[in-house]
PDB file of N, CA and C in Angstrom:
ATOM      1  N   LEU A   1     -15.955  -1.369   2.713  1.00  0.00           N
ATOM      2  CA  LEU A   1     -15.105  -1.727   1.600  1.00  0.00           C
ATOM      3  C   LEU A   1     -15.093  -3.220   1.357  1.00  0.00           C
ATOM      4  N   GLY A   2     -15.733  -3.982   2.191  1.00  0.00           N
ATOM      5  CA  GLY A   2     -15.693  -5.426   2.051  1.00  0.00           C
ATOM      6  C   GLY A   2     -16.372  -5.919   0.796  1.00  0.00           C
ATOM      7  N   ALA A   3     -17.624  -5.520   0.575  1.00  0.00           N
ATOM      8  CA  ALA A   3     -18.375  -6.025  -0.564  1.00  0.00           C
ATOM      9  C   ALA A   3     -18.554  -4.963  -1.640  1.00  0.00           C
ATOM     10  N   SER A   4     -17.949  -3.782  -1.441  1.00  0.00           N
ATOM     11  CA  SER A   4     -18.110  -2.711  -2.416  1.00  0.00           C
ATOM     12  C   SER A   4     -16.955  -2.730  -3.415  1.00  0.00           C
ATOM     13  N   ASN A   5     -17.040  -1.871  -4.403  1.00  0.00           N
ATOM     14  CA  ASN A   5     -16.002  -1.789  -5.430  1.00  0.00           C
ATOM     15  C   ASN A   5     -15.009  -0.670  -5.150  1.00  0.00           C
ATOM     16  N   ARG A   6     -15.067  -0.046  -3.962  1.00  0.00           N
ATOM     17  CA  ARG A   6     -14.131   1.019  -3.621  1.00  0.00           C
ATOM     18  C   ARG A   6     -12.740   0.438  -3.397  1.00  0.00           C
ATOM     19  N   LYS A   7     -11.704   1.167  -3.828  1.00  0.00           N
ATOM     20  CA  LYS A   7     -10.330   0.688  -3.697  1.00  0.00           C
ATOM     21  C   LYS A   7      -9.619   1.276  -2.486  1.00  0.00           C
ATOM     22  N   TYR A   8     -10.064   2.428  -1.991  1.00  0.00           N
ATOM     23  CA  TYR A   8      -9.365   3.116  -0.917  1.00  0.00           C
ATOM     24  C   TYR A   8     -10.334   3.447   0.207  1.00  0.00           C
ATOM     25  N   ALA A   9      -9.804   3.599   1.408  1.00  0.00           N
ATOM     26  CA  ALA A   9     -10.612   3.930   2.576  1.00  0.00           C
ATOM     27  C   ALA A   9     -10.154   5.269   3.142  1.00  0.00           C
ATOM     28  N   ASN A  10     -11.071   5.985   3.764  1.00  0.00           N
ATOM     29  CA  ASN A  10     -10.777   7.245   4.421  1.00  0.00           C
ATOM     30  C   ASN A  10     -10.954   7.075   5.922  1.00  0.00           C
ATOM     31  N   ILE A  11     -10.656   8.122   6.673  1.00  0.00           N
ATOM     32  CA  ILE A  11     -10.809   8.089   8.121  1.00  0.00           C
ATOM     33  C   ILE A  11     -12.274   7.854   8.470  1.00  0.00           C
ATOM     34  N   GLY A  12     -12.512   6.916   9.368  1.00  0.00           N
ATOM     35  CA  GLY A  12     -13.867   6.614   9.810  1.00  0.00           C
ATOM     36  C   GLY A  12     -14.525   5.480   9.059  1.00  0.00           C
ATOM     37  N   ASP A  13     -13.916   4.988   7.999  1.00  0.00           N
ATOM     38  CA  ASP A  13     -14.497   3.882   7.234  1.00  0.00           C
ATOM     39  C   ASP A  13     -14.256   2.554   7.950  1.00  0.00           C
ATOM     40  N   VAL A  14     -15.221   1.667   7.844  1.00  0.00           N
ATOM     41  CA  VAL A  14     -15.068   0.311   8.373  1.00  0.00           C
ATOM     42  C   VAL A  14     -14.562  -0.569   7.242  1.00  0.00           C
ATOM     43  N   ILE A  15     -13.451  -1.265   7.476  1.00  0.00           N
ATOM     44  CA  ILE A  15     -12.845  -2.105   6.448  1.00  0.00           C
ATOM     45  C   ILE A  15     -12.737  -3.538   6.968  1.00  0.00           C
ATOM     46  N   ILE A  16     -12.476  -4.463   6.077  1.00  0.00           N
ATOM     47  CA  ILE A  16     -12.187  -5.842   6.446  1.00  0.00           C
ATOM     48  C   ILE A  16     -10.677  -6.017   6.333  1.00  0.00           C
ATOM     49  N   ALA A  17     -10.056  -6.504   7.413  1.00  0.00           N
ATOM     50  CA  ALA A  17      -8.598  -6.604   7.463  1.00  0.00           C
ATOM     51  C   ALA A  17      -8.180  -7.995   7.922  1.00  0.00           C
ATOM     52  N   VAL A  18      -6.900  -8.288   7.729  1.00  0.00           N
ATOM     53  CA  VAL A  18      -6.317  -9.551   8.172  1.00  0.00           C
ATOM     54  C   VAL A  18      -5.337  -9.243   9.297  1.00  0.00           C
ATOM     55  N   VAL A  19      -5.379 -10.017  10.371  1.00  0.00           N
ATOM     56  CA  VAL A  19      -4.489  -9.824  11.513  1.00  0.00           C
ATOM     57  C   VAL A  19      -3.082 -10.233  11.102  1.00  0.00           C
ATOM     58  N   GLY A  20      -2.124  -9.294  11.186  1.00  0.00           N
ATOM     59  CA  GLY A  20      -0.747  -9.580  10.812  1.00  0.00           C
ATOM     60  C   GLY A  20       0.073 -10.098  11.972  1.00  0.00           C
ATOM     61  N   GLU A  21      -0.086  -9.482  13.147  1.00  0.00           N
ATOM     62  CA  GLU A  21       0.613  -9.908  14.347  1.00  0.00           C
ATOM     63  C   GLU A  21      -0.403 -10.039  15.461  1.00  0.00           C
ATOM     64  N   ALA A  22      -0.219 -11.029  16.318  1.00  0.00           N
ATOM     65  CA  ALA A  22      -1.133 -11.241  17.429  1.00  0.00           C
ATOM     66  C   ALA A  22      -0.336 -11.484  18.706  1.00  0.00           C
ATOM     67  N   VAL A  23      -0.835 -10.945  19.803  1.00  0.00           N
ATOM     68  CA  VAL A  23      -0.224 -11.130  21.114  1.00  0.00           C
ATOM     69  C   VAL A  23      -0.707 -12.464  21.681  1.00  0.00           C
ATOM     70  N   PRO A  24       0.141 -13.205  22.367  1.00  0.00           N
ATOM     71  CA  PRO A  24      -0.304 -14.479  22.951  1.00  0.00           C
ATOM     72  C   PRO A  24      -1.463 -14.287  23.928  1.00  0.00           C
ATOM     73  N   ASN A  25      -2.296 -15.312  24.058  1.00  0.00           N
ATOM     74  CA  ASN A  25      -3.448 -15.337  24.964  1.00  0.00           C
ATOM     75  C   ASN A  25      -4.495 -14.274  24.622  1.00  0.00           C
ATOM     76  N   MET A  26      -4.634 -13.949  23.357  1.00  0.00           N
ATOM     77  CA  MET A  26      -5.667 -13.011  22.910  1.00  0.00           C
ATOM     78  C   MET A  26      -6.681 -13.773  22.065  1.00  0.00           C
ATOM     79  N   PRO A  27      -7.923 -13.288  22.014  1.00  0.00           N
ATOM     80  CA  PRO A  27      -8.922 -13.989  21.194  1.00  0.00           C
ATOM     81  C   PRO A  27      -8.649 -13.888  19.691  1.00  0.00           C
ATOM     82  N   LEU A  28      -7.855 -12.885  19.274  1.00  0.00           N
ATOM     83  CA  LEU A  28      -7.517 -12.743  17.858  1.00  0.00           C
ATOM     84  C   LEU A  28      -6.323 -13.627  17.536  1.00  0.00           C
ATOM     85  N   LYS A  29      -6.407 -14.337  16.444  1.00  0.00           N
ATOM     86  CA  LYS A  29      -5.305 -15.185  15.997  1.00  0.00           C
ATOM     87  C   LYS A  29      -4.698 -14.609  14.726  1.00  0.00           C
ATOM     88  N   LYS A  30      -3.430 -14.924  14.477  1.00  0.00           N
ATOM     89  CA  LYS A  30      -2.758 -14.458  13.268  1.00  0.00           C
ATOM     90  C   LYS A  30      -3.485 -14.994  12.044  1.00  0.00           C
ATOM     91  N   SER A  31      -3.594 -14.170  11.033  1.00  0.00           N
ATOM     92  CA  SER A  31      -4.277 -14.431   9.761  1.00  0.00           C
ATOM     93  C   SER A  31      -5.784 -14.538   9.932  1.00  0.00           C
ATOM     94  N   GLY A  32      -6.314 -14.071  11.056  1.00  0.00           N
ATOM     95  CA  GLY A  32      -7.765 -14.020  11.233  1.00  0.00           C
ATOM     96  C   GLY A  32      -8.345 -12.820  10.498  1.00  0.00           C
ATOM     97  N   ILE A  33      -9.571 -12.917  10.048  1.00  0.00           N
ATOM     98  CA  ILE A  33     -10.234 -11.833   9.330  1.00  0.00           C
ATOM     99  C   ILE A  33     -11.097 -11.066  10.323  1.00  0.00           C
ATOM    100  N   VAL A  34     -10.903  -9.741  10.376  1.00  0.00           N
ATOM    101  CA  VAL A  34     -11.615  -8.897  11.334  1.00  0.00           C
ATOM    102  C   VAL A  34     -12.152  -7.656  10.635  1.00  0.00           C
ATOM    103  N   ARG A  35     -13.113  -6.998  11.281  1.00  0.00           N
ATOM    104  CA  ARG A  35     -13.580  -5.691  10.825  1.00  0.00           C
ATOM    105  C   ARG A  35     -12.846  -4.635  11.631  1.00  0.00           C
ATOM    106  N   ALA A  36     -12.406  -3.566  10.973  1.00  0.00           N
ATOM    107  CA  ALA A  36     -11.620  -2.533  11.644  1.00  0.00           C
ATOM    108  C   ALA A  36     -12.063  -1.159  11.163  1.00  0.00           C
ATOM    109  N   VAL A  37     -11.808  -0.145  11.985  1.00  0.00           N
ATOM    110  CA  VAL A  37     -12.110   1.244  11.640  1.00  0.00           C
ATOM    111  C   VAL A  37     -10.802   1.948  11.328  1.00  0.00           C
ATOM    112  N   VAL A  38     -10.757   2.700  10.226  1.00  0.00           N
ATOM    113  CA  VAL A  38      -9.563   3.457   9.849  1.00  0.00           C
ATOM    114  C   VAL A  38      -9.479   4.681  10.755  1.00  0.00           C
ATOM    115  N   VAL A  39      -8.358   4.802  11.493  1.00  0.00           N
ATOM    116  CA  VAL A  39      -8.188   5.893  12.447  1.00  0.00           C
ATOM    117  C   VAL A  39      -7.207   6.933  11.922  1.00  0.00           C
ATOM    118  N   ARG A  40      -6.135   6.495  11.254  1.00  0.00           N
ATOM    119  CA  ARG A  40      -5.123   7.415  10.742  1.00  0.00           C
ATOM    120  C   ARG A  40      -4.802   7.083   9.294  1.00  0.00           C
ATOM    121  N   THR A  41      -4.527   8.125   8.508  1.00  0.00           N
ATOM    122  CA  THR A  41      -4.032   7.954   7.144  1.00  0.00           C
ATOM    123  C   THR A  41      -2.965   9.009   6.887  1.00  0.00           C
ATOM    124  N   ARG A  42      -2.076   8.735   5.963  1.00  0.00           N
ATOM    125  CA  ARG A  42      -1.082   9.744   5.585  1.00  0.00           C
ATOM    126  C   ARG A  42      -1.705  10.818   4.712  1.00  0.00           C
ATOM    127  N   LYS A  43      -2.720  10.454   3.939  1.00  0.00           N
ATOM    128  CA  LYS A  43      -3.407  11.430   3.093  1.00  0.00           C
ATOM    129  C   LYS A  43      -4.178  12.400   3.977  1.00  0.00           C
ATOM    130  N   GLU A  44      -4.014  13.692   3.712  1.00  0.00           N
ATOM    131  CA  GLU A  44      -4.674  14.682   4.546  1.00  0.00           C
ATOM    132  C   GLU A  44      -6.191  14.649   4.362  1.00  0.00           C
ATOM    133  N   LEU A  45      -6.906  15.037   5.412  1.00  0.00           N
ATOM    134  CA  LEU A  45      -8.361  15.091   5.399  1.00  0.00           C
ATOM    135  C   LEU A  45      -8.765  16.533   5.615  1.00  0.00           C
ATOM    136  N   LYS A  46      -9.529  17.107   4.689  1.00  0.00           N
ATOM    137  CA  LYS A  46      -9.968  18.489   4.809  1.00  0.00           C
ATOM    138  C   LYS A  46     -11.379  18.515   5.367  1.00  0.00           C
ATOM    139  N   ARG A  47     -11.560  19.211   6.478  1.00  0.00           N
ATOM    140  CA  ARG A  47     -12.867  19.330   7.107  1.00  0.00           C
ATOM    141  C   ARG A  47     -13.664  20.454   6.458  1.00  0.00           C
ATOM    142  N   ASP A  48     -14.960  20.507   6.782  1.00  0.00           N
ATOM    143  CA  ASP A  48     -15.831  21.526   6.194  1.00  0.00           C
ATOM    144  C   ASP A  48     -15.438  22.934   6.626  1.00  0.00           C
ATOM    145  N   ASN A  49     -14.855  23.081   7.827  1.00  0.00           N
ATOM    146  CA  ASN A  49     -14.471  24.411   8.306  1.00  0.00           C
ATOM    147  C   ASN A  49     -13.110  24.853   7.771  1.00  0.00           C
ATOM    148  N   GLY A  50     -12.489  24.063   6.905  1.00  0.00           N
ATOM    149  CA  GLY A  50     -11.224  24.421   6.294  1.00  0.00           C
ATOM    150  C   GLY A  50     -10.000  23.843   6.984  1.00  0.00           C
ATOM    151  N   MET A  51     -10.172  23.224   8.144  1.00  0.00           N
ATOM    152  CA  MET A  51      -9.045  22.643   8.865  1.00  0.00           C
ATOM    153  C   MET A  51      -8.566  21.387   8.143  1.00  0.00           C
ATOM    154  N   ILE A  52      -7.252  21.219   8.070  1.00  0.00           N
ATOM    155  CA  ILE A  52      -6.661  20.050   7.426  1.00  0.00           C
ATOM    156  C   ILE A  52      -6.016  19.180   8.500  1.00  0.00           C
ATOM    157  N   ILE A  53      -6.342  17.889   8.487  1.00  0.00           N
ATOM    158  CA  ILE A  53      -5.781  16.936   9.445  1.00  0.00           C
ATOM    159  C   ILE A  53      -4.867  15.995   8.682  1.00  0.00           C
ATOM    160  N   ARG A  54      -3.621  15.859   9.181  1.00  0.00           N
ATOM    161  CA  ARG A  54      -2.672  14.961   8.531  1.00  0.00           C
ATOM    162  C   ARG A  54      -1.816  14.290   9.600  1.00  0.00           C
ATOM    163  N   PHE A  55      -1.566  12.995   9.446  1.00  0.00           N
ATOM    164  CA  PHE A  55      -0.698  12.242  10.339  1.00  0.00           C
ATOM    165  C   PHE A  55       0.572  11.908   9.577  1.00  0.00           C
ATOM    166  N   ASP A  56       1.721  12.288  10.146  1.00  0.00           N
ATOM    167  CA  ASP A  56       3.001  12.045   9.468  1.00  0.00           C
ATOM    168  C   ASP A  56       3.529  10.689   9.720  1.00  0.00           C
TER     169      ASP A  56
END
């Protein structure tokens, strides 16, 4: 989603994000730009076998 024109990400997509909170003594700093993988979404995901996955 970094250089593409897509507006939304789904589970498993790699996105570019900004660090909002950082723990002291970590290599990540607040407001740093990182690549991240989307693990959970509120929007349900329908699999090919018909199973629906949703995180509340």
